Amino acid sequence: MVSGSALGQQSAPHVVGTVLGIPIGGFNGINKIPSLEIGGISISQLHFYFFVVAVLLIIYLAMKKVEKSNFGYALFGIRENKERSEMFGYDTAKIQTLIFAISGGLAGLAGGLFAGWSGYVVPTNFSVNSSTIAVIMVAVAGRKNVIGAMIMTVIYAWFTQYLATTARLAERKEQLAGTMSGGEQAMLSIGRVLTGNSKLMLLDEPSEGVQPNIVTAIGDIIIRINKELNLTVLIVEQHIGLIQQVSQRGYAMDKGTIIDSMTGKELQDYDRIKSYLSV
């Protein structure tokens, strides 16, 4: 049996400092970020993806309207020849500042959606490699082809998910464990436990510090271990998606005391699980 445990009233994580009153954990980042809520209603799982598609469509239509406006024509002119645009009387500095502000707002919106989806933010999310991916996708699709850039984004997301779920640790047998990614280290830890011919596997927050697309892959591995090896897995976890993915029964604890017990079906109640997850 796979058991998932959702801990309520957990102790606060290690805090390095605060930014605008929000506790931060240094290189460990900010964890246990609550899911997106609109009007007190939580948006999670499949509903979240539909919400993101709706937001993307609204932004796309808004940008197409801007494209056909005088402001849009001014942007095209500045892009092609800034000096000539200034000769026609356009305040290029003002226009560029405004479009940079709009771009920054859209980036902030995307970051907020990402944080609400993944439940955590770590410094590696903002690495140079991550920052250049968007530029590369636009370059490949063509800077004048918005639909192409969107299609490239979907392809990239699918391809990274595919690589995450088909990764083989055997290919990295010469690599030091400490240099592997968080997801690979989690898989390696599970593999080490399996070598001991155990009857029970205890996992302490396997999703902690792991990329969201890897969390699903780890969940698939846990399910296979339970079914194929008949190995009981006990998980202490705060990632609601992983809890719902793998658990056949769950227990909520408060300061070491079990305060609720849930079946696998009851664990699909997102709001019920979330009520026990707090810091």
C-alpha atoms as a PDB file:
ATOM      1  CA  MET A   1       0.000   0.000   0.000  1.00  0.00           C
ATOM      2  CA  VAL A   2       1.171   3.512  -0.763  1.00  0.00           C
ATOM      3  CA  SER A   3       0.455   5.898   2.087  1.00  0.00           C
ATOM      4  CA  GLY A   4       0.610   9.665   1.820  1.00  0.00           C
ATOM      5  CA  SER A   5       0.823  11.845   4.906  1.00  0.00           C
ATOM      6  CA  ALA A   6      -0.154  15.493   4.838  1.00  0.00           C
ATOM      7  CA  LEU A   7       1.275  17.324   7.831  1.00  0.00           C
ATOM      8  CA  GLY A   8      -0.791  20.109   9.374  1.00  0.00           C
ATOM      9  CA  GLN A   9       0.607  22.941  11.462  1.00  0.00           C
ATOM     10  CA  GLN A  10       4.153  22.229  10.400  1.00  0.00           C
ATOM     11  CA  SER A  11       7.113  23.967  11.954  1.00  0.00           C
ATOM     12  CA  ALA A  12       8.504  26.899   9.994  1.00  0.00           C
ATOM     13  CA  PRO A  13      11.309  26.168   7.515  1.00  0.00           C
ATOM     14  CA  HIS A  14      14.793  27.597   7.860  1.00  0.00           C
ATOM     15  CA  VAL A  15      14.494  31.331   7.183  1.00  0.00           C
ATOM     16  CA  VAL A  16      17.457  33.375   5.984  1.00  0.00           C
ATOM     17  CA  GLY A  17      15.580  36.675   5.889  1.00  0.00           C
ATOM     18  CA  THR A  18      12.459  38.387   4.622  1.00  0.00           C
ATOM     19  CA  VAL A  19      11.548  40.454   1.569  1.00  0.00           C
ATOM     20  CA  LEU A  20       8.435  42.599   2.003  1.00  0.00           C
ATOM     21  CA  GLY A  21       7.575  40.441   4.998  1.00  0.00           C
ATOM     22  CA  ILE A  22       7.822  37.183   3.033  1.00  0.00           C
ATOM     23  CA  PRO A  23      10.245  34.624   4.555  1.00  0.00           C
ATOM     24  CA  ILE A  24      12.942  33.416   2.182  1.00  0.00           C
ATOM     25  CA  GLY A  25      15.179  30.399   2.530  1.00  0.00           C
ATOM     26  CA  GLY A  26      18.324  31.493   0.706  1.00  0.00           C
ATOM     27  CA  PHE A  27      19.443  28.904  -1.829  1.00  0.00           C
ATOM     28  CA  ASN A  28      16.601  26.633  -0.654  1.00  0.00           C
ATOM     29  CA  GLY A  29      14.158  29.209  -1.945  1.00  0.00           C
ATOM     30  CA  ILE A  30      10.563  29.787  -0.893  1.00  0.00           C
ATOM     31  CA  ASN A  31       8.576  26.616  -0.292  1.00  0.00           C
ATOM     32  CA  LYS A  32       4.937  25.763   0.398  1.00  0.00           C
ATOM     33  CA  ILE A  33       3.592  28.599  -1.750  1.00  0.00           C
ATOM     34  CA  PRO A  34      -0.225  28.375  -1.677  1.00  0.00           C
ATOM     35  CA  SER A  35      -2.085  27.563  -4.857  1.00  0.00           C
ATOM     36  CA  LEU A  36      -3.783  30.266  -6.885  1.00  0.00           C
ATOM     37  CA  GLU A  37      -7.105  31.479  -5.503  1.00  0.00           C
ATOM     38  CA  ILE A  38      -9.698  33.723  -7.144  1.00  0.00           C
ATOM     39  CA  GLY A  39     -12.567  34.896  -5.008  1.00  0.00           C
ATOM     40  CA  GLY A  40     -11.684  32.353  -2.340  1.00  0.00           C
ATOM     41  CA  ILE A  41     -11.860  29.489  -4.844  1.00  0.00           C
ATOM     42  CA  SER A  42      -8.695  27.420  -5.306  1.00  0.00           C
ATOM     43  CA  ILE A  43      -7.601  26.767  -8.870  1.00  0.00           C
ATOM     44  CA  SER A  44      -5.596  23.582  -9.101  1.00  0.00           C
ATOM     45  CA  GLN A  45      -4.874  20.499 -11.160  1.00  0.00           C
ATOM     46  CA  LEU A  46      -6.670  20.421 -14.526  1.00  0.00           C
ATOM     47  CA  HIS A  47      -8.589  23.621 -13.821  1.00  0.00           C
ATOM     48  CA  PHE A  48      -5.284  25.459 -13.511  1.00  0.00           C
ATOM     49  CA  TYR A  49      -4.265  24.530 -17.054  1.00  0.00           C
ATOM     50  CA  PHE A  50      -7.569  25.763 -18.451  1.00  0.00           C
ATOM     51  CA  PHE A  51      -7.091  28.987 -16.511  1.00  0.00           C
ATOM     52  CA  VAL A  52      -3.607  29.479 -17.959  1.00  0.00           C
ATOM     53  CA  VAL A  53      -4.909  28.856 -21.491  1.00  0.00           C
ATOM     54  CA  ALA A  54      -7.634  31.469 -20.897  1.00  0.00           C
ATOM     55  CA  VAL A  55      -5.062  33.994 -19.618  1.00  0.00           C
ATOM     56  CA  LEU A  56      -2.823  33.288 -22.618  1.00  0.00           C
ATOM     57  CA  LEU A  57      -5.721  33.808 -25.027  1.00  0.00           C
ATOM     58  CA  ILE A  58      -6.673  37.116 -23.395  1.00  0.00           C
ATOM     59  CA  ILE A  59      -3.080  38.371 -23.550  1.00  0.00           C
ATOM     60  CA  TYR A  60      -2.732  37.241 -27.167  1.00  0.00           C
ATOM     61  CA  LEU A  61      -5.915  39.055 -28.248  1.00  0.00           C
ATOM     62  CA  ALA A  62      -4.869  42.166 -26.300  1.00  0.00           C
ATOM     63  CA  MET A  63      -1.432  42.193 -27.944  1.00  0.00           C
ATOM     64  CA  LYS A  64      -2.973  41.745 -31.412  1.00  0.00           C
ATOM     65  CA  LYS A  65      -5.139  44.785 -30.732  1.00  0.00           C
ATOM     66  CA  VAL A  66      -2.102  46.778 -29.608  1.00  0.00           C
ATOM     67  CA  GLU A  67      -0.303  45.635 -32.742  1.00  0.00           C
ATOM     68  CA  LYS A  68      -2.927  47.348 -34.915  1.00  0.00           C
ATOM     69  CA  SER A  69      -2.952  50.565 -32.859  1.00  0.00           C
ATOM     70  CA  ASN A  70      -0.881  53.723 -33.307  1.00  0.00           C
ATOM     71  CA  PHE A  71       1.217  52.589 -30.354  1.00  0.00           C
ATOM     72  CA  GLY A  72       1.890  49.295 -32.107  1.00  0.00           C
ATOM     73  CA  TYR A  73       2.908  51.015 -35.320  1.00  0.00           C
ATOM     74  CA  ALA A  74       5.264  53.215 -33.299  1.00  0.00           C
ATOM     75  CA  LEU A  75       6.833  50.088 -31.786  1.00  0.00           C
ATOM     76  CA  PHE A  76       7.363  48.600 -35.242  1.00  0.00           C
ATOM     77  CA  GLY A  77       8.991  51.817 -36.388  1.00  0.00           C
ATOM     78  CA  ILE A  78      11.343  51.938 -33.391  1.00  0.00           C
ATOM     79  CA  ARG A  79      12.269  48.298 -33.903  1.00  0.00           C
ATOM     80  CA  GLU A  80      13.201  48.855 -37.525  1.00  0.00           C
ATOM     81  CA  ASN A  81      14.841  52.270 -37.210  1.00  0.00           C
ATOM     82  CA  LYS A  82      14.884  54.158 -33.919  1.00  0.00           C
ATOM     83  CA  GLU A  83      16.553  57.280 -35.311  1.00  0.00           C
ATOM     84  CA  ARG A  84      14.015  57.637 -38.106  1.00  0.00           C
ATOM     85  CA  SER A  85      11.157  57.269 -35.625  1.00  0.00           C
ATOM     86  CA  GLU A  86      12.605  60.096 -33.569  1.00  0.00           C
ATOM     87  CA  MET A  87      12.751  62.255 -36.699  1.00  0.00           C
ATOM     88  CA  PHE A  88       9.003  61.736 -37.118  1.00  0.00           C
ATOM     89  CA  GLY A  89       8.473  63.107 -33.616  1.00  0.00           C
ATOM     90  CA  TYR A  90       8.024  59.925 -31.597  1.00  0.00           C
ATOM     91  CA  ASP A  91       9.271  59.961 -28.001  1.00  0.00           C
ATOM     92  CA  THR A  92      11.171  56.684 -28.355  1.00  0.00           C
ATOM     93  CA  ALA A  93      12.446  56.698 -24.765  1.00  0.00           C
ATOM     94  CA  LYS A  94       8.905  56.997 -23.394  1.00  0.00           C
ATOM     95  CA  ILE A  95       7.530  54.337 -25.730  1.00  0.00           C
ATOM     96  CA  GLN A  96      10.338  51.898 -24.954  1.00  0.00           C
ATOM     97  CA  THR A  97       9.954  52.449 -21.198  1.00  0.00           C
ATOM     98  CA  LEU A  98       6.233  51.751 -21.470  1.00  0.00           C
ATOM     99  CA  ILE A  99       6.666  48.533 -23.464  1.00  0.00           C
ATOM    100  CA  PHE A 100       9.396  47.355 -21.064  1.00  0.00           C
ATOM    101  CA  ALA A 101       6.969  47.966 -18.174  1.00  0.00           C
ATOM    102  CA  ILE A 102       4.254  45.960 -19.942  1.00  0.00           C
ATOM    103  CA  SER A 103       6.732  43.152 -20.651  1.00  0.00           C
ATOM    104  CA  GLY A 104       7.845  43.151 -17.023  1.00  0.00           C
ATOM    105  CA  GLY A 105       4.230  42.940 -15.882  1.00  0.00           C
ATOM    106  CA  LEU A 106       3.585  39.950 -18.139  1.00  0.00           C
ATOM    107  CA  ALA A 107       6.768  38.286 -16.852  1.00  0.00           C
ATOM    108  CA  GLY A 108       5.617  38.902 -13.279  1.00  0.00           C
ATOM    109  CA  LEU A 109       2.223  37.375 -14.087  1.00  0.00           C
ATOM    110  CA  ALA A 110       3.940  34.320 -15.564  1.00  0.00           C
ATOM    111  CA  GLY A 111       6.142  34.025 -12.466  1.00  0.00           C
ATOM    112  CA  GLY A 112       3.107  34.207 -10.198  1.00  0.00           C
ATOM    113  CA  LEU A 113       1.354  31.479 -12.165  1.00  0.00           C
ATOM    114  CA  PHE A 114       4.484  29.331 -12.048  1.00  0.00           C
ATOM    115  CA  ALA A 115       4.820  29.760  -8.281  1.00  0.00           C
ATOM    116  CA  GLY A 116       1.165  28.910  -7.737  1.00  0.00           C
ATOM    117  CA  TRP A 117       1.515  25.811  -9.911  1.00  0.00           C
ATOM    118  CA  SER A 118       4.818  24.472  -8.565  1.00  0.00           C
ATOM    119  CA  GLY A 119       4.372  25.480  -4.914  1.00  0.00           C
ATOM    120  CA  TYR A 120       7.954  26.711  -4.568  1.00  0.00           C
ATOM    121  CA  VAL A 121      10.523  29.060  -6.081  1.00  0.00           C
ATOM    122  CA  VAL A 122      14.283  28.486  -5.945  1.00  0.00           C
ATOM    123  CA  PRO A 123      17.166  30.575  -7.341  1.00  0.00           C
ATOM    124  CA  THR A 124      17.832  28.006 -10.071  1.00  0.00           C
ATOM    125  CA  ASN A 125      14.461  28.922 -11.590  1.00  0.00           C
ATOM    126  CA  PHE A 126      16.064  32.234 -12.569  1.00  0.00           C
ATOM    127  CA  SER A 127      19.369  30.971 -13.917  1.00  0.00           C
ATOM    128  CA  VAL A 128      20.903  32.318 -17.125  1.00  0.00           C
ATOM    129  CA  ASN A 129      19.924  29.131 -18.931  1.00  0.00           C
ATOM    130  CA  SER A 130      16.279  29.509 -17.905  1.00  0.00           C
ATOM    131  CA  SER A 131      16.260  33.171 -18.917  1.00  0.00           C
ATOM    132  CA  THR A 132      17.640  32.498 -22.380  1.00  0.00           C
ATOM    133  CA  ILE A 133      15.154  29.739 -23.215  1.00  0.00           C
ATOM    134  CA  ALA A 134      12.422  32.260 -24.048  1.00  0.00           C
ATOM    135  CA  VAL A 135      14.786  34.207 -26.319  1.00  0.00           C
ATOM    136  CA  ILE A 136      15.836  31.013 -28.096  1.00  0.00           C
ATOM    137  CA  MET A 137      12.227  29.916 -28.676  1.00  0.00           C
ATOM    138  CA  VAL A 138      11.358  33.316 -30.154  1.00  0.00           C
ATOM    139  CA  ALA A 139      14.479  33.240 -32.330  1.00  0.00           C
ATOM    140  CA  VAL A 140      13.682  29.762 -33.655  1.00  0.00           C
ATOM    141  CA  ALA A 141      10.032  30.587 -34.348  1.00  0.00           C
ATOM    142  CA  GLY A 142      10.769  34.026 -35.745  1.00  0.00           C
ATOM    143  CA  ARG A 143      10.437  37.296 -33.863  1.00  0.00           C
ATOM    144  CA  LYS A 144       7.432  38.322 -35.995  1.00  0.00           C
ATOM    145  CA  ASN A 145       5.619  35.005 -35.499  1.00  0.00           C
ATOM    146  CA  VAL A 146       3.731  35.038 -32.196  1.00  0.00           C
ATOM    147  CA  ILE A 147       1.852  31.800 -32.914  1.00  0.00           C
ATOM    148  CA  GLY A 148       5.147  30.121 -33.794  1.00  0.00           C
ATOM    149  CA  ALA A 149       6.671  31.169 -30.463  1.00  0.00           C
ATOM    150  CA  MET A 150       3.647  29.741 -28.625  1.00  0.00           C
ATOM    151  CA  ILE A 151       3.932  26.460 -30.527  1.00  0.00           C
ATOM    152  CA  MET A 152       7.659  26.290 -29.745  1.00  0.00           C
ATOM    153  CA  THR A 153       6.847  26.768 -26.056  1.00  0.00           C
ATOM    154  CA  VAL A 154       4.409  23.845 -26.105  1.00  0.00           C
ATOM    155  CA  ILE A 155       6.962  21.655 -27.916  1.00  0.00           C
ATOM    156  CA  TYR A 156       9.687  22.601 -25.428  1.00  0.00           C
ATOM    157  CA  ALA A 157       7.439  21.848 -22.436  1.00  0.00           C
ATOM    158  CA  TRP A 158       6.467  18.471 -23.882  1.00  0.00           C
ATOM    159  CA  PHE A 159      10.060  17.567 -24.753  1.00  0.00           C
ATOM    160  CA  THR A 160      11.423  18.437 -21.295  1.00  0.00           C
ATOM    161  CA  GLN A 161       8.639  16.386 -19.712  1.00  0.00           C
ATOM    162  CA  TYR A 162       9.487  13.480 -22.009  1.00  0.00           C
ATOM    163  CA  LEU A 163      13.180  13.629 -21.077  1.00  0.00           C
ATOM    164  CA  ALA A 164      12.303  13.844 -17.379  1.00  0.00           C
ATOM    165  CA  THR A 165      10.157  10.721 -17.487  1.00  0.00           C
ATOM    166  CA  THR A 166      12.578   8.662 -19.611  1.00  0.00           C
ATOM    167  CA  ALA A 167      15.826   9.608 -17.857  1.00  0.00           C
ATOM    168  CA  ARG A 168      18.097   6.663 -17.009  1.00  0.00           C
ATOM    169  CA  LEU A 169      20.427   6.869 -14.032  1.00  0.00           C
ATOM    170  CA  ALA A 170      22.535   4.167 -15.665  1.00  0.00           C
ATOM    171  CA  GLU A 171      23.639   6.761 -18.194  1.00  0.00           C
ATOM    172  CA  ARG A 172      25.070   8.810 -15.306  1.00  0.00           C
ATOM    173  CA  LYS A 173      26.891   6.044 -13.459  1.00  0.00           C
ATOM    174  CA  GLU A 174      30.196   7.938 -13.729  1.00  0.00           C
ATOM    175  CA  GLN A 175      28.680  11.166 -12.387  1.00  0.00           C
ATOM    176  CA  LEU A 176      28.984  12.218  -8.734  1.00  0.00           C
ATOM    177  CA  ALA A 177      25.621  12.180  -6.957  1.00  0.00           C
ATOM    178  CA  GLY A 178      26.164  15.674  -5.590  1.00  0.00           C
ATOM    179  CA  THR A 179      26.351  17.109  -9.098  1.00  0.00           C
ATOM    180  CA  MET A 180      23.010  15.634 -10.199  1.00  0.00           C
ATOM    181  CA  SER A 181      19.791  17.628 -10.312  1.00  0.00           C
ATOM    182  CA  GLY A 182      17.326  17.496  -7.426  1.00  0.00           C
ATOM    183  CA  GLY A 183      15.042  15.106  -9.286  1.00  0.00           C
ATOM    184  CA  GLU A 184      17.892  12.765 -10.220  1.00  0.00           C
ATOM    185  CA  GLN A 185      19.137  12.738  -6.631  1.00  0.00           C
ATOM    186  CA  ALA A 186      15.632  11.847  -5.423  1.00  0.00           C
ATOM    187  CA  MET A 187      15.476   8.943  -7.899  1.00  0.00           C
ATOM    188  CA  LEU A 188      18.952   7.836  -6.848  1.00  0.00           C
ATOM    189  CA  SER A 189      17.914   7.807  -3.180  1.00  0.00           C
ATOM    190  CA  ILE A 190      14.932   5.626  -4.007  1.00  0.00           C
ATOM    191  CA  GLY A 191      17.201   3.287  -5.972  1.00  0.00           C
ATOM    192  CA  ARG A 192      19.592   2.934  -3.017  1.00  0.00           C
ATOM    193  CA  VAL A 193      16.709   1.928  -0.760  1.00  0.00           C
ATOM    194  CA  LEU A 194      15.616  -0.756  -3.218  1.00  0.00           C
ATOM    195  CA  THR A 195      19.039  -2.437  -3.105  1.00  0.00           C
ATOM    196  CA  GLY A 196      18.417  -3.379   0.543  1.00  0.00           C
ATOM    197  CA  ASN A 197      15.504  -5.711  -0.204  1.00  0.00           C
ATOM    198  CA  SER A 198      13.321  -3.646   2.128  1.00  0.00           C
ATOM    199  CA  LYS A 199       9.678  -4.279   2.989  1.00  0.00           C
ATOM    200  CA  LEU A 200       8.917  -0.674   3.861  1.00  0.00           C
ATOM    201  CA  MET A 201      10.155   2.553   2.248  1.00  0.00           C
ATOM    202  CA  LEU A 202       9.974   5.850   4.150  1.00  0.00           C
ATOM    203  CA  LEU A 203      10.162   9.031   2.069  1.00  0.00           C
ATOM    204  CA  ASP A 204      10.424  12.491   3.595  1.00  0.00           C
ATOM    205  CA  GLU A 205       9.020  15.072   1.144  1.00  0.00           C
ATOM    206  CA  PRO A 206      10.443  13.617  -2.100  1.00  0.00           C
ATOM    207  CA  SER A 207       9.089  16.661  -3.979  1.00  0.00           C
ATOM    208  CA  GLU A 208      11.144  19.157  -1.947  1.00  0.00           C
ATOM    209  CA  GLY A 209      13.380  21.264  -4.217  1.00  0.00           C
ATOM    210  CA  VAL A 210      12.485  19.211  -7.298  1.00  0.00           C
ATOM    211  CA  GLN A 211      11.332  20.644 -10.622  1.00  0.00           C
ATOM    212  CA  PRO A 212       7.530  20.266 -11.027  1.00  0.00           C
ATOM    213  CA  ASN A 213       7.768  18.064 -14.132  1.00  0.00           C
ATOM    214  CA  ILE A 214      10.115  15.716 -12.232  1.00  0.00           C
ATOM    215  CA  VAL A 215       7.669  15.399  -9.329  1.00  0.00           C
ATOM    216  CA  THR A 216       5.197  13.574 -11.571  1.00  0.00           C
ATOM    217  CA  ALA A 217       7.962  11.226 -12.745  1.00  0.00           C
ATOM    218  CA  ILE A 218       8.874  10.456  -9.119  1.00  0.00           C
ATOM    219  CA  GLY A 219       5.219   9.730  -8.420  1.00  0.00           C
ATOM    220  CA  ASP A 220       5.118   7.266 -11.322  1.00  0.00           C
ATOM    221  CA  ILE A 221       8.210   5.512  -9.922  1.00  0.00           C
ATOM    222  CA  ILE A 222       6.640   5.234  -6.457  1.00  0.00           C
ATOM    223  CA  ILE A 223       3.479   3.693  -7.916  1.00  0.00           C
ATOM    224  CA  ARG A 224       5.523   1.158  -9.923  1.00  0.00           C
ATOM    225  CA  ILE A 225       7.553   0.216  -6.834  1.00  0.00           C
ATOM    226  CA  ASN A 226       4.373  -0.436  -4.885  1.00  0.00           C
ATOM    227  CA  LYS A 227       2.680  -2.473  -7.610  1.00  0.00           C
ATOM    228  CA  GLU A 228       5.616  -4.388  -9.098  1.00  0.00           C
ATOM    229  CA  LEU A 229       7.665  -4.997  -5.937  1.00  0.00           C
ATOM    230  CA  ASN A 230       4.770  -5.182  -3.479  1.00  0.00           C
ATOM    231  CA  LEU A 231       6.655  -2.676  -1.316  1.00  0.00           C
ATOM    232  CA  THR A 232       4.809  -0.485   1.160  1.00  0.00           C
ATOM    233  CA  VAL A 233       5.711   3.196   0.829  1.00  0.00           C
ATOM    234  CA  LEU A 234       5.094   5.710   3.618  1.00  0.00           C
ATOM    235  CA  ILE A 235       5.430   9.331   2.530  1.00  0.00           C
ATOM    236  CA  VAL A 236       5.581  12.537   4.530  1.00  0.00           C
ATOM    237  CA  GLU A 237       4.610  15.094   1.914  1.00  0.00           C
ATOM    238  CA  GLN A 238       3.177  18.597   1.430  1.00  0.00           C
ATOM    239  CA  HIS A 239       2.902  18.560  -2.388  1.00  0.00           C
ATOM    240  CA  ILE A 240      -0.838  18.080  -2.898  1.00  0.00           C
ATOM    241  CA  GLY A 241      -0.491  16.862  -6.481  1.00  0.00           C
ATOM    242  CA  LEU A 242       1.938  14.104  -5.471  1.00  0.00           C
ATOM    243  CA  ILE A 243      -0.243  13.107  -2.503  1.00  0.00           C
ATOM    244  CA  GLN A 244      -3.248  12.699  -4.782  1.00  0.00           C
ATOM    245  CA  GLN A 245      -1.215  10.894  -7.436  1.00  0.00           C
ATOM    246  CA  VAL A 246       0.255   8.101  -5.304  1.00  0.00           C
ATOM    247  CA  SER A 247      -1.692   7.721  -2.066  1.00  0.00           C
ATOM    248  CA  GLN A 248      -4.142   4.964  -1.209  1.00  0.00           C
ATOM    249  CA  ARG A 249      -4.632   6.311   2.305  1.00  0.00           C
ATOM    250  CA  GLY A 250      -3.557   9.516   4.022  1.00  0.00           C
ATOM    251  CA  TYR A 251      -3.194  10.802   7.566  1.00  0.00           C
ATOM    252  CA  ALA A 252      -3.081  14.391   8.788  1.00  0.00           C
ATOM    253  CA  MET A 253      -0.946  15.041  11.855  1.00  0.00           C
ATOM    254  CA  ASP A 254      -0.665  17.981  14.223  1.00  0.00           C
ATOM    255  CA  LYS A 255       2.369  18.001  16.540  1.00  0.00           C
ATOM    256  CA  GLY A 256       2.739  14.234  16.316  1.00  0.00           C
ATOM    257  CA  THR A 257      -0.953  13.433  16.776  1.00  0.00           C
ATOM    258  CA  ILE A 258      -3.109  11.962  14.001  1.00  0.00           C
ATOM    259  CA  ILE A 259      -6.107  14.270  13.618  1.00  0.00           C
ATOM    260  CA  ASP A 260      -7.676  12.866  10.458  1.00  0.00           C
ATOM    261  CA  SER A 261      -7.597   9.778   8.240  1.00  0.00           C
ATOM    262  CA  MET A 262      -8.576   9.789   4.567  1.00  0.00           C
ATOM    263  CA  THR A 263      -9.091   7.136   1.919  1.00  0.00           C
ATOM    264  CA  GLY A 264      -7.626   7.472  -1.549  1.00  0.00           C
ATOM    265  CA  LYS A 265     -10.946   8.834  -2.809  1.00  0.00           C
ATOM    266  CA  GLU A 266     -11.179  11.365   0.017  1.00  0.00           C
ATOM    267  CA  LEU A 267      -7.634  12.527  -0.752  1.00  0.00           C
ATOM    268  CA  GLN A 268      -8.908  13.841  -4.087  1.00  0.00           C
ATOM    269  CA  ASP A 269     -10.687  16.581  -2.138  1.00  0.00           C
ATOM    270  CA  TYR A 270      -8.148  19.369  -2.714  1.00  0.00           C
ATOM    271  CA  ASP A 271      -9.587  21.813  -0.183  1.00  0.00           C
ATOM    272  CA  ARG A 272      -9.690  19.171   2.565  1.00  0.00           C
ATOM    273  CA  ILE A 273      -5.992  18.372   2.118  1.00  0.00           C
ATOM    274  CA  LYS A 274      -5.013  22.013   1.857  1.00  0.00           C
ATOM    275  CA  SER A 275      -6.732  22.809   5.163  1.00  0.00           C
ATOM    276  CA  TYR A 276      -4.064  20.713   6.928  1.00  0.00           C
ATOM    277  CA  LEU A 277      -1.084  22.222   5.106  1.00  0.00           C
ATOM    278  CA  SER A 278       0.100  25.322   6.905  1.00  0.00           C
ATOM    279  CA  VAL A 279       3.244  26.796   8.332  1.00  0.00           C
END
